[in-house]
N, C-alpha and C. Protein backbone atom coordinates (compact mmCIF):
# COMPACT_ATOMS: atom_id res chain seq x y z
N MET A 1 -24.57 -11.04 -36.52
CA MET A 1 -23.60 -12.07 -36.94
C MET A 1 -22.23 -11.44 -37.07
N SER A 2 -21.20 -12.00 -36.47
CA SER A 2 -19.86 -11.43 -36.50
C SER A 2 -19.20 -11.70 -37.85
N ARG A 3 -18.33 -10.77 -38.25
CA ARG A 3 -17.64 -10.93 -39.53
C ARG A 3 -16.60 -12.03 -39.41
N PRO A 4 -16.21 -12.64 -40.56
CA PRO A 4 -15.16 -13.66 -40.53
C PRO A 4 -13.85 -13.08 -40.00
N ALA A 5 -13.10 -13.89 -39.30
CA ALA A 5 -11.83 -13.43 -38.74
C ALA A 5 -10.83 -13.16 -39.87
N LEU A 6 -10.04 -12.15 -39.68
CA LEU A 6 -8.99 -11.83 -40.64
C LEU A 6 -7.85 -12.82 -40.51
N SER A 7 -7.24 -13.13 -41.64
CA SER A 7 -6.07 -14.01 -41.62
C SER A 7 -4.87 -13.24 -41.07
N GLU A 8 -3.82 -13.96 -40.74
CA GLU A 8 -2.62 -13.32 -40.21
C GLU A 8 -2.04 -12.34 -41.22
N ARG A 9 -2.03 -12.71 -42.51
CA ARG A 9 -1.49 -11.81 -43.53
C ARG A 9 -2.35 -10.56 -43.68
N GLU A 10 -3.66 -10.73 -43.63
CA GLU A 10 -4.56 -9.58 -43.73
C GLU A 10 -4.35 -8.64 -42.54
N LEU A 11 -4.15 -9.22 -41.37
CA LEU A 11 -3.86 -8.41 -40.19
C LEU A 11 -2.53 -7.67 -40.34
N GLN A 12 -1.55 -8.35 -40.93
CA GLN A 12 -0.25 -7.71 -41.14
C GLN A 12 -0.40 -6.50 -42.05
N VAL A 13 -1.18 -6.63 -43.11
CA VAL A 13 -1.40 -5.51 -44.03
C VAL A 13 -2.05 -4.34 -43.29
N LEU A 14 -3.08 -4.64 -42.52
CA LEU A 14 -3.76 -3.59 -41.75
C LEU A 14 -2.84 -2.96 -40.71
N ARG A 15 -2.07 -3.80 -40.05
CA ARG A 15 -1.19 -3.32 -38.99
C ARG A 15 -0.13 -2.37 -39.56
N LEU A 16 0.45 -2.75 -40.67
CA LEU A 16 1.48 -1.91 -41.29
C LEU A 16 0.87 -0.63 -41.84
N ALA A 17 -0.33 -0.73 -42.40
CA ALA A 17 -1.01 0.47 -42.90
C ALA A 17 -1.31 1.42 -41.75
N SER A 18 -1.68 0.86 -40.59
CA SER A 18 -1.97 1.71 -39.43
C SER A 18 -0.73 2.42 -38.92
N GLN A 19 0.45 1.89 -39.29
CA GLN A 19 1.72 2.52 -38.89
C GLN A 19 2.17 3.57 -39.91
N GLY A 20 1.35 3.80 -40.93
CA GLY A 20 1.64 4.84 -41.91
C GLY A 20 2.35 4.37 -43.16
N LEU A 21 2.53 3.06 -43.34
CA LEU A 21 3.22 2.57 -44.53
C LEU A 21 2.30 2.60 -45.74
N THR A 22 2.85 2.93 -46.88
CA THR A 22 2.11 2.86 -48.14
C THR A 22 2.02 1.42 -48.58
N ASP A 23 1.16 1.17 -49.59
CA ASP A 23 1.04 -0.19 -50.09
C ASP A 23 2.37 -0.68 -50.66
N GLN A 24 3.12 0.23 -51.32
CA GLN A 24 4.41 -0.16 -51.85
C GLN A 24 5.36 -0.58 -50.73
N SER A 25 5.34 0.19 -49.61
CA SER A 25 6.20 -0.14 -48.47
C SER A 25 5.75 -1.43 -47.80
N ILE A 26 4.43 -1.65 -47.76
CA ILE A 26 3.91 -2.88 -47.18
C ILE A 26 4.37 -4.07 -48.00
N ALA A 27 4.32 -3.93 -49.34
CA ALA A 27 4.76 -5.00 -50.22
C ALA A 27 6.22 -5.33 -49.95
N GLY A 28 7.06 -4.30 -49.82
CA GLY A 28 8.47 -4.54 -49.55
C GLY A 28 8.70 -5.15 -48.18
N GLU A 29 7.94 -4.71 -47.19
CA GLU A 29 8.09 -5.23 -45.83
C GLU A 29 7.73 -6.71 -45.74
N LEU A 30 6.69 -7.11 -46.49
CA LEU A 30 6.21 -8.49 -46.42
C LEU A 30 6.75 -9.37 -47.53
N GLY A 31 7.52 -8.80 -48.44
CA GLY A 31 8.07 -9.59 -49.54
C GLY A 31 7.01 -10.00 -50.55
N LEU A 32 6.03 -9.11 -50.78
CA LEU A 32 4.93 -9.39 -51.70
C LEU A 32 4.99 -8.42 -52.88
N SER A 33 4.23 -8.75 -53.89
CA SER A 33 4.08 -7.79 -54.99
C SER A 33 3.02 -6.77 -54.61
N LEU A 34 3.04 -5.63 -55.27
CA LEU A 34 2.04 -4.60 -55.01
C LEU A 34 0.64 -5.12 -55.33
N ALA A 35 0.55 -5.95 -56.39
CA ALA A 35 -0.75 -6.50 -56.77
C ALA A 35 -1.28 -7.45 -55.69
N THR A 36 -0.38 -8.20 -55.07
CA THR A 36 -0.80 -9.12 -54.01
C THR A 36 -1.31 -8.36 -52.81
N VAL A 37 -0.65 -7.24 -52.48
CA VAL A 37 -1.13 -6.40 -51.38
C VAL A 37 -2.54 -5.90 -51.71
N GLY A 38 -2.77 -5.53 -52.97
CA GLY A 38 -4.10 -5.09 -53.38
C GLY A 38 -5.12 -6.20 -53.22
N THR A 39 -4.69 -7.44 -53.49
CA THR A 39 -5.59 -8.59 -53.31
C THR A 39 -5.99 -8.75 -51.85
N TYR A 40 -5.02 -8.55 -50.96
CA TYR A 40 -5.33 -8.66 -49.54
C TYR A 40 -6.29 -7.57 -49.09
N TRP A 41 -6.14 -6.37 -49.66
CA TRP A 41 -7.08 -5.30 -49.32
C TRP A 41 -8.49 -5.70 -49.77
N GLY A 42 -8.58 -6.36 -50.92
CA GLY A 42 -9.89 -6.81 -51.38
C GLY A 42 -10.50 -7.82 -50.42
N ARG A 43 -9.68 -8.73 -49.92
CA ARG A 43 -10.18 -9.72 -48.97
C ARG A 43 -10.63 -9.06 -47.66
N VAL A 44 -9.85 -8.05 -47.24
CA VAL A 44 -10.20 -7.33 -46.02
C VAL A 44 -11.55 -6.64 -46.18
N ARG A 45 -11.80 -6.07 -47.37
CA ARG A 45 -13.07 -5.37 -47.61
C ARG A 45 -14.24 -6.35 -47.60
N ILE A 46 -14.02 -7.55 -48.09
CA ILE A 46 -15.09 -8.56 -48.06
C ILE A 46 -15.49 -8.85 -46.62
N LYS A 47 -14.52 -8.88 -45.74
CA LYS A 47 -14.78 -9.23 -44.34
C LYS A 47 -15.21 -8.04 -43.48
N MET A 48 -14.66 -6.87 -43.79
CA MET A 48 -14.92 -5.70 -42.94
C MET A 48 -15.93 -4.73 -43.54
N GLY A 49 -16.20 -4.87 -44.83
CA GLY A 49 -17.15 -3.97 -45.47
C GLY A 49 -16.50 -3.16 -46.57
N PRO A 50 -17.29 -2.64 -47.50
CA PRO A 50 -16.77 -1.88 -48.65
C PRO A 50 -16.35 -0.46 -48.25
N LEU A 51 -15.24 -0.39 -47.56
CA LEU A 51 -14.76 0.88 -47.03
C LEU A 51 -13.47 1.29 -47.72
N SER A 52 -13.15 2.57 -47.58
CA SER A 52 -11.88 3.05 -48.12
C SER A 52 -10.73 2.54 -47.28
N ARG A 53 -9.54 2.67 -47.80
CA ARG A 53 -8.34 2.24 -47.07
C ARG A 53 -8.25 2.92 -45.71
N THR A 54 -8.51 4.23 -45.71
CA THR A 54 -8.45 4.99 -44.47
C THR A 54 -9.50 4.51 -43.48
N GLU A 55 -10.71 4.24 -43.96
CA GLU A 55 -11.78 3.76 -43.09
C GLU A 55 -11.47 2.37 -42.55
N LEU A 56 -10.87 1.52 -43.39
CA LEU A 56 -10.51 0.19 -42.93
C LEU A 56 -9.48 0.25 -41.82
N VAL A 57 -8.47 1.11 -42.01
CA VAL A 57 -7.44 1.26 -40.98
C VAL A 57 -8.05 1.82 -39.70
N ALA A 58 -8.97 2.80 -39.83
CA ALA A 58 -9.60 3.40 -38.65
C ALA A 58 -10.42 2.35 -37.90
N ARG A 59 -11.14 1.51 -38.68
CA ARG A 59 -11.94 0.47 -38.02
C ARG A 59 -11.03 -0.55 -37.34
N TYR A 60 -9.95 -0.91 -37.98
CA TYR A 60 -8.99 -1.85 -37.38
C TYR A 60 -8.45 -1.29 -36.07
N LEU A 61 -8.06 -0.01 -36.10
CA LEU A 61 -7.52 0.60 -34.88
C LEU A 61 -8.58 0.66 -33.78
N GLN A 62 -9.84 0.93 -34.16
CA GLN A 62 -10.91 0.99 -33.17
C GLN A 62 -11.14 -0.37 -32.54
N GLU A 63 -11.13 -1.41 -33.39
CA GLU A 63 -11.32 -2.77 -32.86
C GLU A 63 -10.16 -3.19 -31.97
N GLU A 64 -8.94 -2.79 -32.34
CA GLU A 64 -7.78 -3.09 -31.50
C GLU A 64 -7.91 -2.38 -30.15
N ALA A 65 -8.37 -1.14 -30.20
CA ALA A 65 -8.54 -0.38 -28.95
C ALA A 65 -9.64 -1.01 -28.09
N ASP A 66 -10.73 -1.46 -28.76
CA ASP A 66 -11.83 -2.09 -28.01
C ASP A 66 -11.35 -3.38 -27.35
N GLN A 67 -10.55 -4.16 -28.08
CA GLN A 67 -10.04 -5.41 -27.51
C GLN A 67 -9.11 -5.14 -26.33
N ALA A 68 -8.26 -4.10 -26.49
CA ALA A 68 -7.36 -3.75 -25.39
C ALA A 68 -8.15 -3.29 -24.17
N LEU A 69 -9.22 -2.52 -24.41
CA LEU A 69 -10.05 -2.04 -23.31
C LEU A 69 -10.75 -3.19 -22.62
N GLU A 70 -11.27 -4.15 -23.40
CA GLU A 70 -11.95 -5.30 -22.81
C GLU A 70 -10.96 -6.15 -22.02
N SER A 71 -9.73 -6.25 -22.54
CA SER A 71 -8.70 -7.00 -21.81
C SER A 71 -8.41 -6.35 -20.47
N LEU A 72 -8.36 -5.01 -20.46
CA LEU A 72 -8.14 -4.30 -19.20
C LEU A 72 -9.31 -4.50 -18.25
N ARG A 73 -10.50 -4.48 -18.78
CA ARG A 73 -11.68 -4.68 -17.94
C ARG A 73 -11.67 -6.08 -17.33
N GLU A 74 -11.30 -7.06 -18.15
CA GLU A 74 -11.25 -8.43 -17.64
C GLU A 74 -10.19 -8.55 -16.55
N ARG A 75 -9.05 -7.89 -16.80
CA ARG A 75 -7.99 -7.91 -15.79
C ARG A 75 -8.47 -7.24 -14.50
N ASN A 76 -9.22 -6.15 -14.63
CA ASN A 76 -9.75 -5.47 -13.45
C ASN A 76 -10.73 -6.36 -12.70
N ARG A 77 -11.55 -7.10 -13.47
CA ARG A 77 -12.50 -8.03 -12.82
C ARG A 77 -11.76 -9.11 -12.05
N GLU A 78 -10.67 -9.62 -12.65
CA GLU A 78 -9.88 -10.65 -11.97
C GLU A 78 -9.24 -10.10 -10.70
N LEU A 79 -8.70 -8.88 -10.80
CA LEU A 79 -8.07 -8.27 -9.62
C LEU A 79 -9.10 -7.99 -8.54
N ALA A 80 -10.30 -7.53 -8.96
CA ALA A 80 -11.36 -7.26 -7.98
C ALA A 80 -11.78 -8.55 -7.27
N ALA A 81 -11.86 -9.66 -8.03
CA ALA A 81 -12.23 -10.94 -7.43
C ALA A 81 -11.17 -11.40 -6.45
N LYS A 82 -9.89 -11.22 -6.82
CA LYS A 82 -8.80 -11.62 -5.92
C LYS A 82 -8.80 -10.76 -4.67
N LEU A 83 -9.07 -9.46 -4.84
CA LEU A 83 -9.12 -8.56 -3.68
C LEU A 83 -10.26 -8.95 -2.75
N ALA A 84 -11.43 -9.28 -3.35
CA ALA A 84 -12.57 -9.68 -2.52
C ALA A 84 -12.26 -10.97 -1.76
N GLU A 85 -11.58 -11.91 -2.44
CA GLU A 85 -11.21 -13.17 -1.79
C GLU A 85 -10.22 -12.92 -0.66
N ARG A 86 -9.27 -12.01 -0.91
CA ARG A 86 -8.30 -11.68 0.14
C ARG A 86 -8.98 -11.04 1.34
N GLU A 87 -9.94 -10.15 1.06
CA GLU A 87 -10.65 -9.50 2.16
C GLU A 87 -11.46 -10.52 2.95
N ARG A 88 -12.09 -11.49 2.25
CA ARG A 88 -12.83 -12.55 2.95
C ARG A 88 -11.88 -13.38 3.80
N HIS A 89 -10.71 -13.68 3.23
CA HIS A 89 -9.72 -14.47 3.97
C HIS A 89 -9.28 -13.73 5.23
N GLU A 90 -8.99 -12.43 5.09
CA GLU A 90 -8.54 -11.65 6.25
C GLU A 90 -9.65 -11.53 7.28
N ARG A 91 -10.90 -11.37 6.81
CA ARG A 91 -12.02 -11.29 7.75
C ARG A 91 -12.19 -12.60 8.51
N ASP A 92 -12.11 -13.72 7.77
CA ASP A 92 -12.22 -15.02 8.42
C ASP A 92 -11.09 -15.24 9.43
N THR A 93 -9.89 -14.78 9.06
CA THR A 93 -8.75 -14.91 9.97
C THR A 93 -8.97 -14.10 11.24
N ARG A 94 -9.45 -12.86 11.07
CA ARG A 94 -9.72 -12.02 12.25
C ARG A 94 -10.77 -12.65 13.15
N GLU A 95 -11.82 -13.21 12.53
CA GLU A 95 -12.88 -13.83 13.32
C GLU A 95 -12.36 -15.06 14.07
N THR A 96 -11.52 -15.84 13.39
CA THR A 96 -10.94 -17.02 14.04
C THR A 96 -10.07 -16.61 15.21
N LEU A 97 -9.23 -15.61 15.00
CA LEU A 97 -8.35 -15.15 16.07
C LEU A 97 -9.14 -14.57 17.24
N ALA A 98 -10.23 -13.85 16.93
CA ALA A 98 -11.05 -13.29 17.99
C ALA A 98 -11.68 -14.41 18.83
N THR A 99 -12.12 -15.46 18.15
CA THR A 99 -12.70 -16.60 18.87
C THR A 99 -11.66 -17.26 19.76
N LEU A 100 -10.45 -17.45 19.22
CA LEU A 100 -9.39 -18.07 20.01
C LEU A 100 -8.98 -17.19 21.18
N GLU A 101 -8.93 -15.88 20.97
CA GLU A 101 -8.59 -14.97 22.06
C GLU A 101 -9.62 -15.05 23.18
N ALA A 102 -10.90 -15.13 22.82
CA ALA A 102 -11.95 -15.27 23.83
C ALA A 102 -11.79 -16.57 24.59
N LEU A 103 -11.43 -17.63 23.87
CA LEU A 103 -11.19 -18.93 24.51
C LEU A 103 -10.03 -18.83 25.50
N LEU A 104 -8.96 -18.19 25.07
CA LEU A 104 -7.78 -18.09 25.93
C LEU A 104 -8.07 -17.28 27.19
N CYS A 105 -8.74 -16.15 27.00
CA CYS A 105 -8.98 -15.26 28.14
C CYS A 105 -9.89 -15.89 29.19
N GLY A 106 -10.84 -16.71 28.72
CA GLY A 106 -11.81 -17.27 29.66
C GLY A 106 -11.42 -18.61 30.24
N ALA A 107 -10.29 -19.17 29.80
CA ALA A 107 -9.92 -20.51 30.25
C ALA A 107 -9.12 -20.46 31.54
N PRO A 108 -9.40 -21.37 32.49
CA PRO A 108 -8.63 -21.41 33.73
C PRO A 108 -7.30 -22.12 33.57
N GLU A 109 -7.14 -22.91 32.49
CA GLU A 109 -5.91 -23.66 32.27
C GLU A 109 -4.97 -22.89 31.35
N ALA A 110 -3.72 -23.32 31.36
CA ALA A 110 -2.74 -22.77 30.43
C ALA A 110 -3.05 -23.29 29.03
N ILE A 111 -3.10 -22.39 28.07
CA ILE A 111 -3.41 -22.79 26.69
C ILE A 111 -2.39 -22.17 25.74
N LEU A 112 -1.90 -22.99 24.82
CA LEU A 112 -1.03 -22.54 23.74
C LEU A 112 -1.71 -22.87 22.42
N ILE A 113 -1.65 -21.95 21.47
CA ILE A 113 -2.13 -22.19 20.11
C ILE A 113 -0.89 -22.32 19.23
N VAL A 114 -0.72 -23.47 18.60
CA VAL A 114 0.51 -23.77 17.86
C VAL A 114 0.15 -24.14 16.42
N ASP A 115 0.91 -23.59 15.45
CA ASP A 115 0.60 -23.90 14.05
C ASP A 115 1.29 -25.19 13.62
N ALA A 116 1.09 -25.57 12.36
CA ALA A 116 1.60 -26.84 11.85
C ALA A 116 3.13 -26.89 11.82
N ASP A 117 3.77 -25.73 11.85
CA ASP A 117 5.23 -25.68 11.84
C ASP A 117 5.83 -25.68 13.24
N GLY A 118 4.98 -25.79 14.26
CA GLY A 118 5.47 -25.81 15.63
C GLY A 118 5.76 -24.43 16.19
N VAL A 119 5.16 -23.40 15.60
CA VAL A 119 5.36 -22.02 16.08
C VAL A 119 4.15 -21.62 16.93
N VAL A 120 4.42 -21.06 18.10
CA VAL A 120 3.34 -20.61 18.99
C VAL A 120 2.74 -19.33 18.42
N ARG A 121 1.45 -19.33 18.21
CA ARG A 121 0.75 -18.16 17.67
C ARG A 121 0.04 -17.36 18.75
N MET A 122 -0.41 -18.04 19.79
CA MET A 122 -1.10 -17.34 20.87
C MET A 122 -0.89 -18.12 22.16
N ALA A 123 -1.00 -17.42 23.27
CA ALA A 123 -0.91 -18.06 24.59
C ALA A 123 -1.65 -17.17 25.58
N ASN A 124 -2.08 -17.77 26.69
CA ASN A 124 -2.77 -16.96 27.69
C ASN A 124 -1.90 -16.74 28.93
N ALA A 125 -2.42 -15.93 29.84
CA ALA A 125 -1.65 -15.58 31.03
C ALA A 125 -1.33 -16.80 31.88
N GLN A 126 -2.22 -17.78 31.89
CA GLN A 126 -1.98 -18.99 32.67
C GLN A 126 -0.77 -19.76 32.12
N ALA A 127 -0.61 -19.74 30.80
CA ALA A 127 0.58 -20.37 30.21
C ALA A 127 1.82 -19.62 30.62
N GLY A 128 1.72 -18.29 30.69
CA GLY A 128 2.86 -17.50 31.14
C GLY A 128 3.26 -17.85 32.56
N GLU A 129 2.28 -18.02 33.43
CA GLU A 129 2.56 -18.38 34.82
C GLU A 129 3.19 -19.77 34.91
N LEU A 130 2.68 -20.70 34.11
CA LEU A 130 3.17 -22.07 34.17
C LEU A 130 4.61 -22.18 33.70
N PHE A 131 4.94 -21.49 32.60
CA PHE A 131 6.28 -21.62 32.01
C PHE A 131 7.22 -20.46 32.35
N GLY A 132 6.72 -19.46 33.07
CA GLY A 132 7.58 -18.34 33.46
C GLY A 132 7.89 -17.38 32.33
N TRP A 133 7.05 -17.34 31.34
CA TRP A 133 7.24 -16.43 30.20
C TRP A 133 6.23 -15.28 30.31
N ALA A 134 6.60 -14.12 29.75
CA ALA A 134 5.61 -13.08 29.50
C ALA A 134 4.77 -13.55 28.32
N VAL A 135 3.49 -13.23 28.31
CA VAL A 135 2.60 -13.73 27.27
C VAL A 135 3.11 -13.36 25.88
N GLU A 136 3.59 -12.12 25.72
CA GLU A 136 4.04 -11.68 24.39
C GLU A 136 5.29 -12.42 23.93
N GLU A 137 6.04 -13.03 24.86
CA GLU A 137 7.23 -13.78 24.47
C GLU A 137 6.89 -15.09 23.75
N PHE A 138 5.71 -15.61 23.99
CA PHE A 138 5.32 -16.87 23.35
C PHE A 138 5.16 -16.71 21.84
N VAL A 139 4.60 -15.57 21.43
CA VAL A 139 4.23 -15.39 20.02
C VAL A 139 5.46 -15.45 19.12
N GLY A 140 5.46 -16.41 18.22
CA GLY A 140 6.59 -16.58 17.30
C GLY A 140 7.65 -17.53 17.81
N ALA A 141 7.54 -17.95 19.07
CA ALA A 141 8.54 -18.88 19.63
C ALA A 141 8.24 -20.30 19.15
N ARG A 142 9.28 -21.12 19.07
CA ARG A 142 9.10 -22.53 18.73
C ARG A 142 8.61 -23.28 19.97
N VAL A 143 7.64 -24.16 19.75
CA VAL A 143 7.12 -24.91 20.89
C VAL A 143 8.22 -25.80 21.48
N GLY A 144 9.22 -26.12 20.66
CA GLY A 144 10.34 -26.92 21.16
C GLY A 144 11.11 -26.25 22.27
N SER A 145 11.01 -24.91 22.38
CA SER A 145 11.72 -24.21 23.45
C SER A 145 11.11 -24.51 24.82
N LEU A 146 9.96 -25.16 24.83
CA LEU A 146 9.32 -25.53 26.09
C LEU A 146 9.57 -26.99 26.44
N ILE A 147 10.44 -27.65 25.66
CA ILE A 147 10.68 -29.09 25.81
C ILE A 147 12.17 -29.33 26.00
N PRO A 148 12.58 -30.21 26.89
CA PRO A 148 14.01 -30.52 27.06
C PRO A 148 14.64 -30.96 25.73
N ALA A 149 15.88 -30.52 25.52
CA ALA A 149 16.57 -30.77 24.25
C ALA A 149 16.60 -32.24 23.82
N PRO A 150 16.85 -33.19 24.72
CA PRO A 150 16.89 -34.59 24.28
C PRO A 150 15.58 -35.09 23.67
N LEU A 151 14.48 -34.38 23.93
CA LEU A 151 13.18 -34.82 23.44
C LEU A 151 12.73 -34.07 22.18
N HIS A 152 13.57 -33.15 21.69
CA HIS A 152 13.15 -32.31 20.56
C HIS A 152 12.76 -33.12 19.33
N GLU A 153 13.61 -34.05 18.91
CA GLU A 153 13.34 -34.79 17.68
C GLU A 153 12.11 -35.68 17.82
N ALA A 154 12.00 -36.35 18.98
CA ALA A 154 10.82 -37.19 19.19
C ALA A 154 9.55 -36.34 19.18
N HIS A 155 9.62 -35.16 19.79
CA HIS A 155 8.45 -34.28 19.79
C HIS A 155 8.13 -33.80 18.39
N ARG A 156 9.16 -33.48 17.60
CA ARG A 156 8.94 -33.00 16.24
C ARG A 156 8.23 -34.07 15.40
N GLN A 157 8.70 -35.30 15.52
CA GLN A 157 8.08 -36.39 14.77
C GLN A 157 6.63 -36.60 15.22
N HIS A 158 6.42 -36.51 16.53
CA HIS A 158 5.07 -36.66 17.06
C HIS A 158 4.17 -35.54 16.54
N ARG A 159 4.69 -34.31 16.52
CA ARG A 159 3.89 -33.17 16.03
C ARG A 159 3.52 -33.34 14.56
N LEU A 160 4.49 -33.77 13.75
CA LEU A 160 4.22 -33.95 12.32
C LEU A 160 3.13 -35.01 12.10
N ARG A 161 3.22 -36.11 12.85
CA ARG A 161 2.21 -37.16 12.70
C ARG A 161 0.83 -36.67 13.15
N TYR A 162 0.85 -35.93 14.24
CA TYR A 162 -0.42 -35.44 14.78
C TYR A 162 -1.08 -34.45 13.82
N MET A 163 -0.31 -33.49 13.27
CA MET A 163 -0.89 -32.49 12.39
C MET A 163 -1.33 -33.10 11.07
N ALA A 164 -0.70 -34.22 10.68
CA ALA A 164 -1.11 -34.90 9.45
C ALA A 164 -2.43 -35.64 9.66
N ASP A 165 -2.70 -36.06 10.91
CA ASP A 165 -3.94 -36.78 11.24
C ASP A 165 -4.45 -36.28 12.58
N PRO A 166 -4.94 -35.03 12.61
CA PRO A 166 -5.31 -34.43 13.89
C PRO A 166 -6.55 -35.05 14.51
N HIS A 167 -6.53 -35.15 15.82
CA HIS A 167 -7.67 -35.67 16.57
C HIS A 167 -7.46 -35.27 18.03
N ARG A 168 -8.52 -35.35 18.80
CA ARG A 168 -8.39 -34.99 20.21
C ARG A 168 -7.60 -36.08 20.92
N MET A 169 -6.59 -35.68 21.68
CA MET A 169 -5.82 -36.68 22.42
C MET A 169 -5.23 -36.05 23.68
N ALA A 170 -4.87 -36.92 24.60
CA ALA A 170 -4.27 -36.48 25.87
C ALA A 170 -2.85 -37.02 25.97
N MET A 171 -1.99 -36.24 26.61
CA MET A 171 -0.59 -36.64 26.81
C MET A 171 -0.24 -36.53 28.28
N GLY A 172 0.46 -37.52 28.80
CA GLY A 172 0.99 -37.44 30.16
C GLY A 172 -0.07 -37.35 31.23
N GLU A 173 -1.17 -38.07 31.06
CA GLU A 173 -2.27 -37.95 32.01
C GLU A 173 -1.90 -38.45 33.40
N HIS A 174 -1.00 -39.43 33.50
CA HIS A 174 -0.69 -40.02 34.80
C HIS A 174 0.58 -39.41 35.41
N ASN A 175 1.74 -39.74 34.86
CA ASN A 175 2.99 -39.23 35.40
C ASN A 175 3.43 -37.91 34.77
N GLY A 176 2.79 -37.54 33.66
CA GLY A 176 3.14 -36.29 33.00
C GLY A 176 4.31 -36.47 32.05
N VAL A 177 4.59 -35.42 31.29
CA VAL A 177 5.74 -35.40 30.38
C VAL A 177 6.62 -34.21 30.76
N PRO A 178 7.94 -34.28 30.48
CA PRO A 178 8.82 -33.19 30.86
C PRO A 178 8.57 -31.92 30.04
N ALA A 179 8.71 -30.79 30.70
CA ALA A 179 8.61 -29.49 30.04
C ALA A 179 9.60 -28.55 30.71
N LEU A 180 9.95 -27.46 30.04
CA LEU A 180 10.92 -26.50 30.56
C LEU A 180 10.28 -25.15 30.84
N ARG A 181 10.65 -24.60 31.99
CA ARG A 181 10.31 -23.22 32.27
C ARG A 181 11.39 -22.30 31.67
N LYS A 182 11.12 -21.02 31.65
CA LYS A 182 12.06 -20.07 31.06
C LYS A 182 13.41 -20.09 31.78
N ASP A 183 13.41 -20.32 33.08
CA ASP A 183 14.67 -20.32 33.84
C ASP A 183 15.46 -21.62 33.68
N GLY A 184 14.95 -22.55 32.87
CA GLY A 184 15.65 -23.80 32.63
C GLY A 184 15.25 -24.92 33.55
N SER A 185 14.43 -24.63 34.53
CA SER A 185 14.00 -25.70 35.43
C SER A 185 12.98 -26.58 34.73
N GLU A 186 12.98 -27.84 35.13
CA GLU A 186 12.10 -28.80 34.47
C GLU A 186 10.87 -29.06 35.31
N ILE A 187 9.74 -29.11 34.67
CA ILE A 187 8.47 -29.45 35.33
C ILE A 187 7.83 -30.59 34.54
N ARG A 188 6.83 -31.17 35.16
CA ARG A 188 6.08 -32.20 34.45
C ARG A 188 4.67 -31.69 34.19
N VAL A 189 4.19 -31.95 33.00
CA VAL A 189 2.88 -31.44 32.63
C VAL A 189 2.08 -32.55 31.94
N SER A 190 0.78 -32.36 31.92
CA SER A 190 -0.08 -33.17 31.06
C SER A 190 -0.71 -32.19 30.06
N ALA A 191 -1.10 -32.69 28.91
CA ALA A 191 -1.65 -31.81 27.88
C ALA A 191 -2.77 -32.51 27.13
N THR A 192 -3.76 -31.74 26.79
CA THR A 192 -4.84 -32.21 25.91
C THR A 192 -4.73 -31.43 24.61
N LEU A 193 -4.73 -32.16 23.51
CA LEU A 193 -4.57 -31.53 22.20
C LEU A 193 -5.84 -31.65 21.38
N ASN A 194 -6.13 -30.60 20.66
CA ASN A 194 -7.21 -30.61 19.70
C ASN A 194 -6.83 -29.68 18.56
N VAL A 195 -7.49 -29.78 17.45
CA VAL A 195 -7.14 -28.95 16.29
C VAL A 195 -8.35 -28.15 15.83
N VAL A 196 -8.11 -26.88 15.55
CA VAL A 196 -9.13 -26.05 14.90
C VAL A 196 -8.58 -25.67 13.53
N HIS A 197 -9.48 -25.52 12.58
CA HIS A 197 -9.06 -25.18 11.22
C HIS A 197 -9.30 -23.69 11.00
N SER A 198 -8.23 -23.00 10.67
CA SER A 198 -8.29 -21.56 10.45
C SER A 198 -8.02 -21.27 8.97
N PRO A 199 -8.30 -20.05 8.50
CA PRO A 199 -8.00 -19.71 7.11
C PRO A 199 -6.53 -19.84 6.75
N THR A 200 -5.65 -19.82 7.75
CA THR A 200 -4.22 -19.94 7.48
C THR A 200 -3.70 -21.36 7.66
N GLY A 201 -4.61 -22.29 7.97
CA GLY A 201 -4.20 -23.68 8.15
C GLY A 201 -4.59 -24.20 9.52
N PRO A 202 -4.32 -25.48 9.80
CA PRO A 202 -4.71 -26.06 11.08
C PRO A 202 -3.89 -25.49 12.23
N LEU A 203 -4.54 -25.33 13.37
CA LEU A 203 -3.88 -24.86 14.58
C LEU A 203 -4.17 -25.85 15.70
N ALA A 204 -3.12 -26.23 16.41
CA ALA A 204 -3.29 -27.14 17.54
C ALA A 204 -3.57 -26.32 18.81
N VAL A 205 -4.64 -26.66 19.48
CA VAL A 205 -4.98 -26.03 20.77
C VAL A 205 -4.47 -26.96 21.86
N CYS A 206 -3.48 -26.49 22.59
CA CYS A 206 -2.82 -27.32 23.62
C CYS A 206 -3.22 -26.80 25.00
N VAL A 207 -4.00 -27.58 25.71
CA VAL A 207 -4.37 -27.23 27.08
C VAL A 207 -3.39 -27.95 28.00
N VAL A 208 -2.62 -27.18 28.76
CA VAL A 208 -1.50 -27.74 29.53
C VAL A 208 -1.78 -27.58 31.02
N ARG A 209 -1.50 -28.63 31.77
CA ARG A 209 -1.69 -28.59 33.24
C ARG A 209 -0.37 -29.00 33.89
N GLY A 210 0.07 -28.19 34.84
CA GLY A 210 1.29 -28.50 35.56
C GLY A 210 1.07 -29.59 36.60
N LEU A 211 2.04 -30.53 36.68
CA LEU A 211 1.93 -31.63 37.65
C LEU A 211 3.03 -31.58 38.70
N GLY A 212 3.83 -30.53 38.67
CA GLY A 212 4.90 -30.42 39.65
C GLY A 212 6.26 -30.39 39.01
N THR A 213 7.31 -30.41 39.80
CA THR A 213 8.67 -30.35 39.28
C THR A 213 9.09 -31.67 38.69
N GLY A 214 10.12 -31.61 37.83
CA GLY A 214 10.59 -32.81 37.15
C GLY A 214 11.41 -33.68 38.09
N GLY A 215 11.88 -34.75 37.48
CA GLY A 215 12.68 -35.69 38.25
C GLY A 215 12.42 -37.08 37.79
N ALA A 216 13.18 -38.04 38.31
CA ALA A 216 13.03 -39.43 37.86
C ALA A 216 11.75 -39.99 38.39
């Protein structure tokens, strides 16, 4: 059975005693009479046991140290749990990226992986051929750089709506939609969109097919 908790005043008496203050100094520090300080020592003994002043202070310091140690242990447990969660997150991310890389490498069509902010995260060699980019140039680029400027805002609104309610859909299946190559020339493409959920958020998988050069 645990002992009754010490009152704030009883703790103050113990705390000041642990700092080396005499009972007279404790009385002055707390604005009490010496007799009242003695009364508090009596209450402390009822709760902590019939010990001497020195033993009471030693026990108080030991309990304070034990509480501090337990607090550190709890903090370590929390940090260990966060680290384990981070490691799981990073492992899941690596596995997702590995799966997407395998998809990109084995696909005959041009594929772009785009995040919810419209940033290209991955692309395959076929996408590089279609748009005239080196594969590494895609990573970190805005998908808007592949779209004629007059269509940027409409595309942005479409992307936001799509990422808010993702589903498989096709774009430009018949006449195609305008797109830009790196050299500024315009082509028409069709695209099939789908979404995969990754540890870092939803990613749009854009399968793009060239339909020829642009024009009216």
